[in-house]
Amino acid sequence: MSTPTGEIYRIDWLPGTDLLHGTCHCGAEHTAQDPVEMWEWMLAHPRGHESRGSSS
């Protein structure tokens, strides 16, 4: 998904699992089972985006 400001959010399904892996436009990463949780994490930027590559 791309926003009007050009920020890119990416969510991938991890094959063979029930997990989603999201990458925010800032480079932070997050894994979750619930799609709503994933979008809430992404759209709550920068809360929860402590460091690049975090999986919290």
C-alpha atoms as a PDB file:
ATOM      1  CA  MET A   1       0.000   0.000   0.000  1.00  0.00           C
ATOM      2  CA  SER A   2       1.259   3.466  -0.833  1.00  0.00           C
ATOM      3  CA  THR A   3      -0.005   6.620   0.843  1.00  0.00           C
ATOM      4  CA  PRO A   4      -0.527  10.035  -0.828  1.00  0.00           C
ATOM      5  CA  THR A   5       2.833  11.105   0.634  1.00  0.00           C
ATOM      6  CA  GLY A   6       4.580   8.197  -1.099  1.00  0.00           C
ATOM      7  CA  GLU A   7       5.130   6.103   2.026  1.00  0.00           C
ATOM      8  CA  ILE A   8       5.078   2.384   1.286  1.00  0.00           C
ATOM      9  CA  TYR A   9       3.667  -0.194   3.692  1.00  0.00           C
ATOM     10  CA  ARG A  10       4.142  -3.872   2.885  1.00  0.00           C
ATOM     11  CA  ILE A  11       2.450  -6.911   4.410  1.00  0.00           C
ATOM     12  CA  ASP A  12       3.419 -10.419   3.315  1.00  0.00           C
ATOM     13  CA  TRP A  13       1.878 -13.721   4.310  1.00  0.00           C
ATOM     14  CA  LEU A  14       4.499 -16.248   5.445  1.00  0.00           C
ATOM     15  CA  PRO A  15       3.627 -19.424   3.470  1.00  0.00           C
ATOM     16  CA  GLY A  16       2.960 -22.496   5.578  1.00  0.00           C
ATOM     17  CA  THR A  17       2.026 -20.393   8.623  1.00  0.00           C
ATOM     18  CA  ASP A  18      -0.788 -18.187   9.868  1.00  0.00           C
ATOM     19  CA  LEU A  19       1.642 -15.271  10.212  1.00  0.00           C
ATOM     20  CA  LEU A  20       1.834 -11.925   8.484  1.00  0.00           C
ATOM     21  CA  HIS A  21       5.104 -10.024   8.181  1.00  0.00           C
ATOM     22  CA  GLY A  22       4.843  -6.265   7.840  1.00  0.00           C
ATOM     23  CA  THR A  23       7.433  -3.703   6.829  1.00  0.00           C
ATOM     24  CA  CYS A  24       6.751  -0.044   7.538  1.00  0.00           C
ATOM     25  CA  HIS A  25       7.956   2.798   5.312  1.00  0.00           C
ATOM     26  CA  CYS A  26      10.589   3.550   7.989  1.00  0.00           C
ATOM     27  CA  GLY A  27      12.047   0.041   7.678  1.00  0.00           C
ATOM     28  CA  ALA A  28      10.709  -1.316  10.983  1.00  0.00           C
ATOM     29  CA  GLU A  29       9.355  -4.861  10.796  1.00  0.00           C
ATOM     30  CA  HIS A  30       6.638  -6.677  12.734  1.00  0.00           C
ATOM     31  CA  THR A  31       5.112 -10.152  12.664  1.00  0.00           C
ATOM     32  CA  ALA A  32       1.538 -10.871  13.733  1.00  0.00           C
ATOM     33  CA  GLN A  33      -1.181 -13.439  13.222  1.00  0.00           C
ATOM     34  CA  ASP A  34      -4.078 -10.962  13.210  1.00  0.00           C
ATOM     35  CA  PRO A  35      -4.420  -8.640  10.173  1.00  0.00           C
ATOM     36  CA  VAL A  36      -6.119  -5.961  12.302  1.00  0.00           C
ATOM     37  CA  GLU A  37      -3.207  -6.004  14.758  1.00  0.00           C
ATOM     38  CA  MET A  38      -0.779  -5.651  11.851  1.00  0.00           C
ATOM     39  CA  TRP A  39      -2.534  -2.585  10.402  1.00  0.00           C
ATOM     40  CA  GLU A  40      -2.919  -0.986  13.823  1.00  0.00           C
ATOM     41  CA  TRP A  41       0.827  -1.403  14.358  1.00  0.00           C
ATOM     42  CA  MET A  42       1.661   0.136  10.991  1.00  0.00           C
ATOM     43  CA  LEU A  43      -0.742   3.043  11.247  1.00  0.00           C
ATOM     44  CA  ALA A  44       0.359   3.854  14.817  1.00  0.00           C
ATOM     45  CA  HIS A  45       3.730   5.021  13.470  1.00  0.00           C
ATOM     46  CA  PRO A  46       6.076   5.840  15.164  1.00  0.00           C
ATOM     47  CA  ARG A  47       4.757   4.076  18.299  1.00  0.00           C
ATOM     48  CA  GLY A  48       6.204   0.562  18.380  1.00  0.00           C
ATOM     49  CA  HIS A  49       8.868   1.352  15.800  1.00  0.00           C
ATOM     50  CA  GLU A  50      11.842   1.463  18.168  1.00  0.00           C
ATOM     51  CA  SER A  51      14.422   0.051  15.785  1.00  0.00           C
ATOM     52  CA  ARG A  52      14.744  -1.301  12.289  1.00  0.00           C
ATOM     53  CA  GLY A  53      14.059  -5.028  12.181  1.00  0.00           C
ATOM     54  CA  SER A  54      12.241  -5.251  15.501  1.00  0.00           C
ATOM     55  CA  SER A  55       9.588  -7.972  15.784  1.00  0.00           C
ATOM     56  CA  SER A  56       7.596  -6.666  18.723  1.00  0.00           C
END
